[in-house]
Amino acid sequence: MKHASALVVSILMAASGSAWADVTGPGGKTIDCYCTDKSGSRVELGELRCLQVDGRMFMAQCQMSLNVPMWREVQSSCLSASLGEVPGLSSEPLVLPHL
């Protein structure tokens, strides 16, 4: 049952995105909680990025841990796509008739 509760919390955090990004601190001051990418741009809680660390690439999610935003590995490799040749598919441009 404990595992199911953790799964539900993880799903809710991922689905809510920036809804959990603000924390009210002492005196009612709002503190923004978010991660940053390698260029220093803001990344909201729950967002996924492909990270490269020490020559290794993996998918990571911006999450909170002990009230600190951090990157957590969620997949051991990154998603990728290729625009290379597809066997059996013509590389000639498609010409559509004028209607």
PDB file of N, CA and C in Angstrom:
ATOM      1  N   MET A   1       0.818  -1.187   0.000  1.00  0.00           N
ATOM      2  CA  MET A   1       0.000   0.000   0.000  1.00  0.00           C
ATOM      3  C   MET A   1       0.863   1.253   0.000  1.00  0.00           C
ATOM      4  N   LYS A   2       1.995   1.201   0.693  1.00  0.00           N
ATOM      5  CA  LYS A   2       2.896   2.345   0.750  1.00  0.00           C
ATOM      6  C   LYS A   2       3.399   2.697  -0.653  1.00  0.00           C
ATOM      7  N   HIS A   3       3.716   1.673  -1.472  1.00  0.00           N
ATOM      8  CA  HIS A   3       4.192   1.889  -2.838  1.00  0.00           C
ATOM      9  C   HIS A   3       3.118   2.578  -3.672  1.00  0.00           C
ATOM     10  N   ALA A   4       1.859   2.166  -3.510  1.00  0.00           N
ATOM     11  CA  ALA A   4       0.752   2.768  -4.269  1.00  0.00           C
ATOM     12  C   ALA A   4       0.589   4.233  -3.896  1.00  0.00           C
ATOM     13  N   SER A   5       0.730   4.578  -2.623  1.00  0.00           N
ATOM     14  CA  SER A   5       0.618   5.967  -2.187  1.00  0.00           C
ATOM     15  C   SER A   5       1.715   6.824  -2.803  1.00  0.00           C
ATOM     16  N   ALA A   6       2.930   6.299  -2.839  1.00  0.00           N
ATOM     17  CA  ALA A   6       4.049   7.032  -3.429  1.00  0.00           C
ATOM     18  C   ALA A   6       3.819   7.251  -4.912  1.00  0.00           C
ATOM     19  N   LEU A   7       3.254   6.243  -5.593  1.00  0.00           N
ATOM     20  CA  LEU A   7       2.966   6.363  -7.017  1.00  0.00           C
ATOM     21  C   LEU A   7       1.921   7.439  -7.268  1.00  0.00           C
ATOM     22  N   VAL A   8       0.878   7.478  -6.461  1.00  0.00           N
ATOM     23  CA  VAL A   8      -0.172   8.490  -6.613  1.00  0.00           C
ATOM     24  C   VAL A   8       0.407   9.885  -6.402  1.00  0.00           C
ATOM     25  N   VAL A   9       1.242  10.054  -5.385  1.00  0.00           N
ATOM     26  CA  VAL A   9       1.864  11.360  -5.131  1.00  0.00           C
ATOM     27  C   VAL A   9       2.736  11.756  -6.312  1.00  0.00           C
ATOM     28  N   SER A  10       3.517  10.820  -6.874  1.00  0.00           N
ATOM     29  CA  SER A  10       4.375  11.125  -8.019  1.00  0.00           C
ATOM     30  C   SER A  10       3.556  11.550  -9.222  1.00  0.00           C
ATOM     31  N   ILE A  11       2.444  10.850  -9.472  1.00  0.00           N
ATOM     32  CA  ILE A  11       1.587  11.200 -10.599  1.00  0.00           C
ATOM     33  C   ILE A  11       0.973  12.574 -10.395  1.00  0.00           C
ATOM     34  N   LEU A  12       0.499  12.854  -9.189  1.00  0.00           N
ATOM     35  CA  LEU A  12      -0.096  14.169  -8.913  1.00  0.00           C
ATOM     36  C   LEU A  12       0.919  15.285  -9.069  1.00  0.00           C
ATOM     37  N   MET A  13       2.149  15.052  -8.623  1.00  0.00           N
ATOM     38  CA  MET A  13       3.190  16.081  -8.771  1.00  0.00           C
ATOM     39  C   MET A  13       3.488  16.326 -10.236  1.00  0.00           C
ATOM     40  N   ALA A  14       3.588  15.273 -11.020  1.00  0.00           N
ATOM     41  CA  ALA A  14       3.886  15.423 -12.440  1.00  0.00           C
ATOM     42  C   ALA A  14       2.742  16.118 -13.161  1.00  0.00           C
ATOM     43  N   ALA A  15       1.511  15.801 -12.800  1.00  0.00           N
ATOM     44  CA  ALA A  15       0.351  16.375 -13.474  1.00  0.00           C
ATOM     45  C   ALA A  15       0.128  17.830 -13.092  1.00  0.00           C
ATOM     46  N   SER A  16       0.480  18.200 -11.873  1.00  0.00           N
ATOM     47  CA  SER A  16       0.185  19.550 -11.423  1.00  0.00           C
ATOM     48  C   SER A  16       1.185  20.578 -11.929  1.00  0.00           C
ATOM     49  N   GLY A  17       2.385  20.137 -12.306  1.00  0.00           N
ATOM     50  CA  GLY A  17       3.387  21.057 -12.849  1.00  0.00           C
ATOM     51  C   GLY A  17       3.671  22.199 -11.904  1.00  0.00           C
ATOM     52  N   SER A  18       3.423  23.418 -12.370  1.00  0.00           N
ATOM     53  CA  SER A  18       3.784  24.594 -11.591  1.00  0.00           C
ATOM     54  C   SER A  18       2.831  24.877 -10.446  1.00  0.00           C
ATOM     55  N   ALA A  19       1.765  24.097 -10.279  1.00  0.00           N
ATOM     56  CA  ALA A  19       0.838  24.314  -9.168  1.00  0.00           C
ATOM     57  C   ALA A  19       1.553  24.153  -7.833  1.00  0.00           C
ATOM     58  N   TRP A  20       2.606  23.356  -7.781  1.00  0.00           N
ATOM     59  CA  TRP A  20       3.360  23.157  -6.555  1.00  0.00           C
ATOM     60  C   TRP A  20       4.614  24.019  -6.531  1.00  0.00           C
ATOM     61  N   ALA A  21       4.766  24.930  -7.464  1.00  0.00           N
ATOM     62  CA  ALA A  21       6.017  25.664  -7.624  1.00  0.00           C
ATOM     63  C   ALA A  21       6.201  26.794  -6.630  1.00  0.00           C
ATOM     64  N   ASP A  22       5.152  27.234  -5.953  1.00  0.00           N
ATOM     65  CA  ASP A  22       5.280  28.334  -5.017  1.00  0.00           C
ATOM     66  C   ASP A  22       5.067  27.841  -3.591  1.00  0.00           C
ATOM     67  N   VAL A  23       5.897  28.344  -2.689  1.00  0.00           N
ATOM     68  CA  VAL A  23       5.821  27.997  -1.275  1.00  0.00           C
ATOM     69  C   VAL A  23       5.670  29.297  -0.499  1.00  0.00           C
ATOM     70  N   THR A  24       4.795  29.305   0.497  1.00  0.00           N
ATOM     71  CA  THR A  24       4.648  30.479   1.344  1.00  0.00           C
ATOM     72  C   THR A  24       5.577  30.322   2.537  1.00  0.00           C
ATOM     73  N   GLY A  25       6.490  31.246   2.666  1.00  0.00           N
ATOM     74  CA  GLY A  25       7.480  31.195   3.728  1.00  0.00           C
ATOM     75  C   GLY A  25       7.045  32.003   4.933  1.00  0.00           C
ATOM     76  N   PRO A  26       7.954  32.184   5.896  1.00  0.00           N
ATOM     77  CA  PRO A  26       7.658  32.971   7.091  1.00  0.00           C
ATOM     78  C   PRO A  26       7.238  34.398   6.709  1.00  0.00           C
ATOM     79  N   GLY A  27       6.257  34.920   7.404  1.00  0.00           N
ATOM     80  CA  GLY A  27       5.796  36.273   7.117  1.00  0.00           C
ATOM     81  C   GLY A  27       4.931  36.355   5.875  1.00  0.00           C
ATOM     82  N   GLY A  28       4.533  35.201   5.314  1.00  0.00           N
ATOM     83  CA  GLY A  28       3.661  35.193   4.140  1.00  0.00           C
ATOM     84  C   GLY A  28       4.372  35.464   2.825  1.00  0.00           C
ATOM     85  N   LYS A  29       5.706  35.525   2.847  1.00  0.00           N
ATOM     86  CA  LYS A  29       6.450  35.769   1.613  1.00  0.00           C
ATOM     87  C   LYS A  29       6.392  34.544   0.708  1.00  0.00           C
ATOM     88  N   THR A  30       6.089  34.756  -0.590  1.00  0.00           N
ATOM     89  CA  THR A  30       6.029  33.661  -1.558  1.00  0.00           C
ATOM     90  C   THR A  30       7.423  33.374  -2.093  1.00  0.00           C
ATOM     91  N   ILE A  31       7.795  32.082  -2.066  1.00  0.00           N
ATOM     92  CA  ILE A  31       9.103  31.650  -2.566  1.00  0.00           C
ATOM     93  C   ILE A  31       8.857  30.766  -3.779  1.00  0.00           C
ATOM     94  N   ASP A  32       9.405  31.147  -4.924  1.00  0.00           N
ATOM     95  CA  ASP A  32       9.283  30.339  -6.138  1.00  0.00           C
ATOM     96  C   ASP A  32      10.185  29.118  -6.028  1.00  0.00           C
ATOM     97  N   CYS A  33       9.644  27.955  -6.373  1.00  0.00           N
ATOM     98  CA  CYS A  33      10.426  26.718  -6.389  1.00  0.00           C
ATOM     99  C   CYS A  33      10.469  26.205  -7.820  1.00  0.00           C
ATOM    100  N   TYR A  34      11.671  26.077  -8.374  1.00  0.00           N
ATOM    101  CA  TYR A  34      11.852  25.621  -9.747  1.00  0.00           C
ATOM    102  C   TYR A  34      13.291  25.163  -9.920  1.00  0.00           C
ATOM    103  N   CYS A  35      13.536  24.425 -10.996  1.00  0.00           N
ATOM    104  CA  CYS A  35      14.902  24.009 -11.349  1.00  0.00           C
ATOM    105  C   CYS A  35      15.423  24.951 -12.426  1.00  0.00           C
ATOM    106  N   THR A  36      16.673  24.808 -12.764  1.00  0.00           N
ATOM    107  CA  THR A  36      17.239  25.568 -13.880  1.00  0.00           C
ATOM    108  C   THR A  36      17.936  24.598 -14.829  1.00  0.00           C
ATOM    109  N   ASP A  37      17.975  24.974 -16.120  1.00  0.00           N
ATOM    110  CA  ASP A  37      18.706  24.159 -17.087  1.00  0.00           C
ATOM    111  C   ASP A  37      20.132  24.678 -17.190  1.00  0.00           C
ATOM    112  N   LYS A  38      20.926  24.121 -18.110  1.00  0.00           N
ATOM    113  CA  LYS A  38      22.350  24.484 -18.173  1.00  0.00           C
ATOM    114  C   LYS A  38      22.577  25.929 -18.582  1.00  0.00           C
ATOM    115  N   SER A  39      21.569  26.561 -19.202  1.00  0.00           N
ATOM    116  CA  SER A  39      21.719  27.975 -19.573  1.00  0.00           C
ATOM    117  C   SER A  39      21.183  28.906 -18.486  1.00  0.00           C
ATOM    118  N   GLY A  40      20.661  28.313 -17.399  1.00  0.00           N
ATOM    119  CA  GLY A  40      20.137  29.113 -16.294  1.00  0.00           C
ATOM    120  C   GLY A  40      18.669  29.474 -16.446  1.00  0.00           C
ATOM    121  N   SER A  41      18.004  28.935 -17.474  1.00  0.00           N
ATOM    122  CA  SER A  41      16.579  29.208 -17.685  1.00  0.00           C
ATOM    123  C   SER A  41      15.737  28.425 -16.683  1.00  0.00           C
ATOM    124  N   ARG A  42      14.625  29.016 -16.316  1.00  0.00           N
ATOM    125  CA  ARG A  42      13.705  28.410 -15.351  1.00  0.00           C
ATOM    126  C   ARG A  42      13.018  27.175 -15.949  1.00  0.00           C
ATOM    127  N   VAL A  43      12.938  26.099 -15.151  1.00  0.00           N
ATOM    128  CA  VAL A  43      12.240  24.868 -15.516  1.00  0.00           C
ATOM    129  C   VAL A  43      11.271  24.565 -14.378  1.00  0.00           C
ATOM    130  N   GLU A  44       9.977  24.483 -14.695  1.00  0.00           N
ATOM    131  CA  GLU A  44       8.951  24.281 -13.675  1.00  0.00           C
ATOM    132  C   GLU A  44       8.991  22.867 -13.111  1.00  0.00           C
ATOM    133  N   LEU A  45       8.520  22.714 -11.881  1.00  0.00           N
ATOM    134  CA  LEU A  45       8.426  21.398 -11.250  1.00  0.00           C
ATOM    135  C   LEU A  45       7.590  20.472 -12.121  1.00  0.00           C
ATOM    136  N   GLY A  46       8.041  19.232 -12.266  1.00  0.00           N
ATOM    137  CA  GLY A  46       7.323  18.241 -13.058  1.00  0.00           C
ATOM    138  C   GLY A  46       7.801  18.142 -14.494  1.00  0.00           C
ATOM    139  N   GLU A  47       8.532  19.154 -14.988  1.00  0.00           N
ATOM    140  CA  GLU A  47       9.006  19.111 -16.374  1.00  0.00           C
ATOM    141  C   GLU A  47      10.175  18.144 -16.516  1.00  0.00           C
ATOM    142  N   LEU A  48      10.260  17.537 -17.695  1.00  0.00           N
ATOM    143  CA  LEU A  48      11.323  16.578 -18.010  1.00  0.00           C
ATOM    144  C   LEU A  48      12.354  17.208 -18.930  1.00  0.00           C
ATOM    145  N   ARG A  49      13.614  16.814 -18.767  1.00  0.00           N
ATOM    146  CA  ARG A  49      14.701  17.256 -19.635  1.00  0.00           C
ATOM    147  C   ARG A  49      15.685  16.110 -19.816  1.00  0.00           C
ATOM    148  N   CYS A  50      16.380  16.111 -20.937  1.00  0.00           N
ATOM    149  CA  CYS A  50      17.482  15.188 -21.154  1.00  0.00           C
ATOM    150  C   CYS A  50      18.734  15.870 -20.606  1.00  0.00           C
ATOM    151  N   LEU A  51      19.375  15.250 -19.631  1.00  0.00           N
ATOM    152  CA  LEU A  51      20.575  15.834 -19.022  1.00  0.00           C
ATOM    153  C   LEU A  51      21.802  15.041 -19.431  1.00  0.00           C
ATOM    154  N   GLN A  52      22.928  15.748 -19.555  1.00  0.00           N
ATOM    155  CA  GLN A  52      24.209  15.099 -19.808  1.00  0.00           C
ATOM    156  C   GLN A  52      25.126  15.436 -18.647  1.00  0.00           C
ATOM    157  N   VAL A  53      25.515  14.407 -17.900  1.00  0.00           N
ATOM    158  CA  VAL A  53      26.361  14.584 -16.724  1.00  0.00           C
ATOM    159  C   VAL A  53      27.487  13.564 -16.796  1.00  0.00           C
ATOM    160  N   ASP A  54      28.709  14.027 -16.731  1.00  0.00           N
ATOM    161  CA  ASP A  54      29.889  13.147 -16.788  1.00  0.00           C
ATOM    162  C   ASP A  54      29.849  12.197 -17.975  1.00  0.00           C
ATOM    163  N   GLY A  55      29.432  12.696 -19.150  1.00  0.00           N
ATOM    164  CA  GLY A  55      29.413  11.903 -20.366  1.00  0.00           C
ATOM    165  C   GLY A  55      28.244  10.930 -20.469  1.00  0.00           C
ATOM    166  N   ARG A  56      27.328  10.960 -19.519  1.00  0.00           N
ATOM    167  CA  ARG A  56      26.161  10.076 -19.509  1.00  0.00           C
ATOM    168  C   ARG A  56      24.914  10.905 -19.762  1.00  0.00           C
ATOM    169  N   MET A  57      24.013  10.429 -20.638  1.00  0.00           N
ATOM    170  CA  MET A  57      22.772  11.148 -20.929  1.00  0.00           C
ATOM    171  C   MET A  57      21.592  10.359 -20.365  1.00  0.00           C
ATOM    172  N   PHE A  58      20.653  11.080 -19.712  1.00  0.00           N
ATOM    173  CA  PHE A  58      19.486  10.438 -19.118  1.00  0.00           C
ATOM    174  C   PHE A  58      18.349  11.444 -18.995  1.00  0.00           C
ATOM    175  N   MET A  59      17.111  10.923 -18.875  1.00  0.00           N
ATOM    176  CA  MET A  59      15.948  11.781 -18.680  1.00  0.00           C
ATOM    177  C   MET A  59      15.814  12.055 -17.191  1.00  0.00           C
ATOM    178  N   ALA A  60      15.552  13.322 -16.860  1.00  0.00           N
ATOM    179  CA  ALA A  60      15.392  13.711 -15.468  1.00  0.00           C
ATOM    180  C   ALA A  60      14.179  14.625 -15.341  1.00  0.00           C
ATOM    181  N   GLN A  61      13.583  14.606 -14.154  1.00  0.00           N
ATOM    182  CA  GLN A  61      12.412  15.423 -13.878  1.00  0.00           C
ATOM    183  C   GLN A  61      12.741  16.391 -12.753  1.00  0.00           C
ATOM    184  N   CYS A  62      12.267  17.620 -12.894  1.00  0.00           N
ATOM    185  CA  CYS A  62      12.423  18.622 -11.834  1.00  0.00           C
ATOM    186  C   CYS A  62      11.442  18.260 -10.721  1.00  0.00           C
ATOM    187  N   GLN A  63      11.969  17.966  -9.519  1.00  0.00           N
ATOM    188  CA  GLN A  63      11.150  17.559  -8.380  1.00  0.00           C
ATOM    189  C   GLN A  63      11.614  18.267  -7.116  1.00  0.00           C
ATOM    190  N   MET A  64      10.799  18.187  -6.078  1.00  0.00           N
ATOM    191  CA  MET A  64      11.173  18.711  -4.766  1.00  0.00           C
ATOM    192  C   MET A  64      11.689  17.566  -3.910  1.00  0.00           C
ATOM    193  N   SER A  65      12.749  17.833  -3.144  1.00  0.00           N
ATOM    194  CA  SER A  65      13.272  16.876  -2.185  1.00  0.00           C
ATOM    195  C   SER A  65      13.693  17.647  -0.936  1.00  0.00           C
ATOM    196  N   LEU A  66      13.039  17.362   0.167  1.00  0.00           N
ATOM    197  CA  LEU A  66      13.322  18.069   1.431  1.00  0.00           C
ATOM    198  C   LEU A  66      13.274  19.585   1.242  1.00  0.00           C
ATOM    199  N   ASN A  67      12.229  20.060   0.563  1.00  0.00           N
ATOM    200  CA  ASN A  67      11.994  21.489   0.322  1.00  0.00           C
ATOM    201  C   ASN A  67      13.028  22.144  -0.586  1.00  0.00           C
ATOM    202  N   VAL A  68      13.728  21.335  -1.372  1.00  0.00           N
ATOM    203  CA  VAL A  68      14.729  21.860  -2.310  1.00  0.00           C
ATOM    204  C   VAL A  68      14.428  21.312  -3.700  1.00  0.00           C
ATOM    205  N   PRO A  69      14.311  22.207  -4.709  1.00  0.00           N
ATOM    206  CA  PRO A  69      14.118  21.698  -6.074  1.00  0.00           C
ATOM    207  C   PRO A  69      15.378  20.985  -6.555  1.00  0.00           C
ATOM    208  N   MET A  70      15.199  19.833  -7.219  1.00  0.00           N
ATOM    209  CA  MET A  70      16.353  19.067  -7.694  1.00  0.00           C
ATOM    210  C   MET A  70      15.955  18.249  -8.908  1.00  0.00           C
ATOM    211  N   TRP A  71      16.969  17.789  -9.663  1.00  0.00           N
ATOM    212  CA  TRP A  71      16.747  16.928 -10.818  1.00  0.00           C
ATOM    213  C   TRP A  71      16.835  15.479 -10.359  1.00  0.00           C
ATOM    214  N   ARG A  72      15.809  14.666 -10.689  1.00  0.00           N
ATOM    215  CA  ARG A  72      15.810  13.247 -10.353  1.00  0.00           C
ATOM    216  C   ARG A  72      15.756  12.427 -11.635  1.00  0.00           C
ATOM    217  N   GLU A  73      16.675  11.457 -11.775  1.00  0.00           N
ATOM    218  CA  GLU A  73      16.692  10.591 -12.953  1.00  0.00           C
ATOM    219  C   GLU A  73      15.419   9.742 -12.977  1.00  0.00           C
ATOM    220  N   VAL A  74      14.734   9.747 -14.127  1.00  0.00           N
ATOM    221  CA  VAL A  74      13.514   8.955 -14.275  1.00  0.00           C
ATOM    222  C   VAL A  74      13.627   7.917 -15.389  1.00  0.00           C
ATOM    223  N   GLN A  75      14.671   8.025 -16.215  1.00  0.00           N
ATOM    224  CA  GLN A  75      14.909   7.056 -17.285  1.00  0.00           C
ATOM    225  C   GLN A  75      16.400   7.053 -17.594  1.00  0.00           C
ATOM    226  N   SER A  76      16.966   5.867 -17.846  1.00  0.00           N
ATOM    227  CA  SER A  76      18.415   5.745 -18.010  1.00  0.00           C
ATOM    228  C   SER A  76      18.936   6.218 -19.365  1.00  0.00           C
ATOM    229  N   SER A  77      18.063   6.591 -20.273  1.00  0.00           N
ATOM    230  CA  SER A  77      18.500   7.132 -21.561  1.00  0.00           C
ATOM    231  C   SER A  77      17.543   8.239 -21.976  1.00  0.00           C
ATOM    232  N   CYS A  78      17.922   8.987 -22.990  1.00  0.00           N
ATOM    233  CA  CYS A  78      17.086  10.090 -23.455  1.00  0.00           C
ATOM    234  C   CYS A  78      16.233   9.655 -24.639  1.00  0.00           C
ATOM    235  N   LEU A  79      15.086  10.282 -24.775  1.00  0.00           N
ATOM    236  CA  LEU A  79      14.246  10.056 -25.939  1.00  0.00           C
ATOM    237  C   LEU A  79      14.946  10.669 -27.136  1.00  0.00           C
ATOM    238  N   SER A  80      14.809  10.057 -28.303  1.00  0.00           N
ATOM    239  CA  SER A  80      15.456  10.613 -29.479  1.00  0.00           C
ATOM    240  C   SER A  80      14.623  10.340 -30.713  1.00  0.00           C
ATOM    241  N   ALA A  81      14.917  11.078 -31.756  1.00  0.00           N
ATOM    242  CA  ALA A  81      14.254  10.890 -33.046  1.00  0.00           C
ATOM    243  C   ALA A  81      15.300  11.103 -34.127  1.00  0.00           C
ATOM    244  N   SER A  82      15.071  10.504 -35.281  1.00  0.00           N
ATOM    245  CA  SER A  82      16.013  10.626 -36.376  1.00  0.00           C
ATOM    246  C   SER A  82      15.273  11.012 -37.644  1.00  0.00           C
ATOM    247  N   LEU A  83      15.911  11.810 -38.464  1.00  0.00           N
ATOM    248  CA  LEU A  83      15.340  12.196 -39.742  1.00  0.00           C
ATOM    249  C   LEU A  83      16.026  11.463 -40.880  1.00  0.00           C
ATOM    250  N   GLY A  84      16.653  10.354 -40.580  1.00  0.00           N
ATOM    251  CA  GLY A  84      17.369   9.574 -41.584  1.00  0.00           C
ATOM    252  C   GLY A  84      16.435   8.890 -42.564  1.00  0.00           C
ATOM    253  N   GLU A  85      17.034   8.174 -43.514  1.00  0.00           N
ATOM    254  CA  GLU A  85      16.277   7.449 -44.533  1.00  0.00           C
ATOM    255  C   GLU A  85      15.453   6.330 -43.901  1.00  0.00           C
ATOM    256  N   VAL A  86      14.246   6.154 -44.401  1.00  0.00           N
ATOM    257  CA  VAL A  86      13.391   5.056 -43.984  1.00  0.00           C
ATOM    258  C   VAL A  86      13.384   4.047 -45.120  1.00  0.00           C
ATOM    259  N   PRO A  87      13.789   2.791 -44.867  1.00  0.00           N
ATOM    260  CA  PRO A  87      13.834   1.793 -45.932  1.00  0.00           C
ATOM    261  C   PRO A  87      12.473   1.656 -46.623  1.00  0.00           C
ATOM    262  N   GLY A  88      12.491   1.641 -47.970  1.00  0.00           N
ATOM    263  CA  GLY A  88      11.267   1.477 -48.739  1.00  0.00           C
ATOM    264  C   GLY A  88      10.481   2.749 -48.964  1.00  0.00           C
ATOM    265  N   LEU A  89      10.940   3.875 -48.391  1.00  0.00           N
ATOM    266  CA  LEU A  89      10.232   5.135 -48.550  1.00  0.00           C
ATOM    267  C   LEU A  89      11.021   6.023 -49.501  1.00  0.00           C
ATOM    268  N   SER A  90      10.366   6.572 -50.492  1.00  0.00           N
ATOM    269  CA  SER A  90      11.024   7.414 -51.494  1.00  0.00           C
ATOM    270  C   SER A  90      11.472   8.731 -50.877  1.00  0.00           C
ATOM    271  N   SER A  91      12.636   9.191 -51.298  1.00  0.00           N
ATOM    272  CA  SER A  91      13.132  10.478 -50.816  1.00  0.00           C
ATOM    273  C   SER A  91      12.710  11.616 -51.740  1.00  0.00           C
ATOM    274  N   GLU A  92      11.968  11.280 -52.808  1.00  0.00           N
ATOM    275  CA  GLU A  92      11.471  12.295 -53.738  1.00  0.00           C
ATOM    276  C   GLU A  92      10.388  13.130 -53.054  1.00  0.00           C
ATOM    277  N   PRO A  93      10.341  14.451 -53.343  1.00  0.00           N
ATOM    278  CA  PRO A  93       9.307  15.281 -52.744  1.00  0.00           C
ATOM    279  C   PRO A  93       7.928  14.869 -53.223  1.00  0.00           C
ATOM    280  N   LEU A  94       6.949  15.021 -52.358  1.00  0.00           N
ATOM    281  CA  LEU A  94       5.576  14.697 -52.689  1.00  0.00           C
ATOM    282  C   LEU A  94       4.950  15.889 -53.401  1.00  0.00           C
ATOM    283  N   VAL A  95       4.393  15.671 -54.604  1.00  0.00           N
ATOM    284  CA  VAL A  95       3.755  16.748 -55.358  1.00  0.00           C
ATOM    285  C   VAL A  95       2.241  16.515 -55.322  1.00  0.00           C
ATOM    286  N   LEU A  96       1.534  17.487 -54.804  1.00  0.00           N
ATOM    287  CA  LEU A  96       0.081  17.379 -54.701  1.00  0.00           C
ATOM    288  C   LEU A  96      -0.564  18.104 -55.883  1.00  0.00           C
ATOM    289  N   PRO A  97      -1.647  17.565 -56.429  1.00  0.00           N
ATOM    290  CA  PRO A  97      -2.325  18.227 -57.544  1.00  0.00           C
ATOM    291  C   PRO A  97      -3.053  19.484 -57.057  1.00  0.00           C
ATOM    292  N   HIS A  98      -3.164  20.477 -57.920  1.00  0.00           N
ATOM    293  CA  HIS A  98      -3.909  21.690 -57.587  1.00  0.00           C
ATOM    294  C   HIS A  98      -5.389  21.347 -57.585  1.00  0.00           C
ATOM    295  N   LEU A  99      -6.101  21.779 -56.611  1.00  0.00           N
ATOM    296  CA  LEU A  99      -7.539  21.505 -56.521  1.00  0.00           C
ATOM    297  C   LEU A  99      -8.338  22.675 -56.992  1.00  0.00           C
TER     298      LEU A  99
END
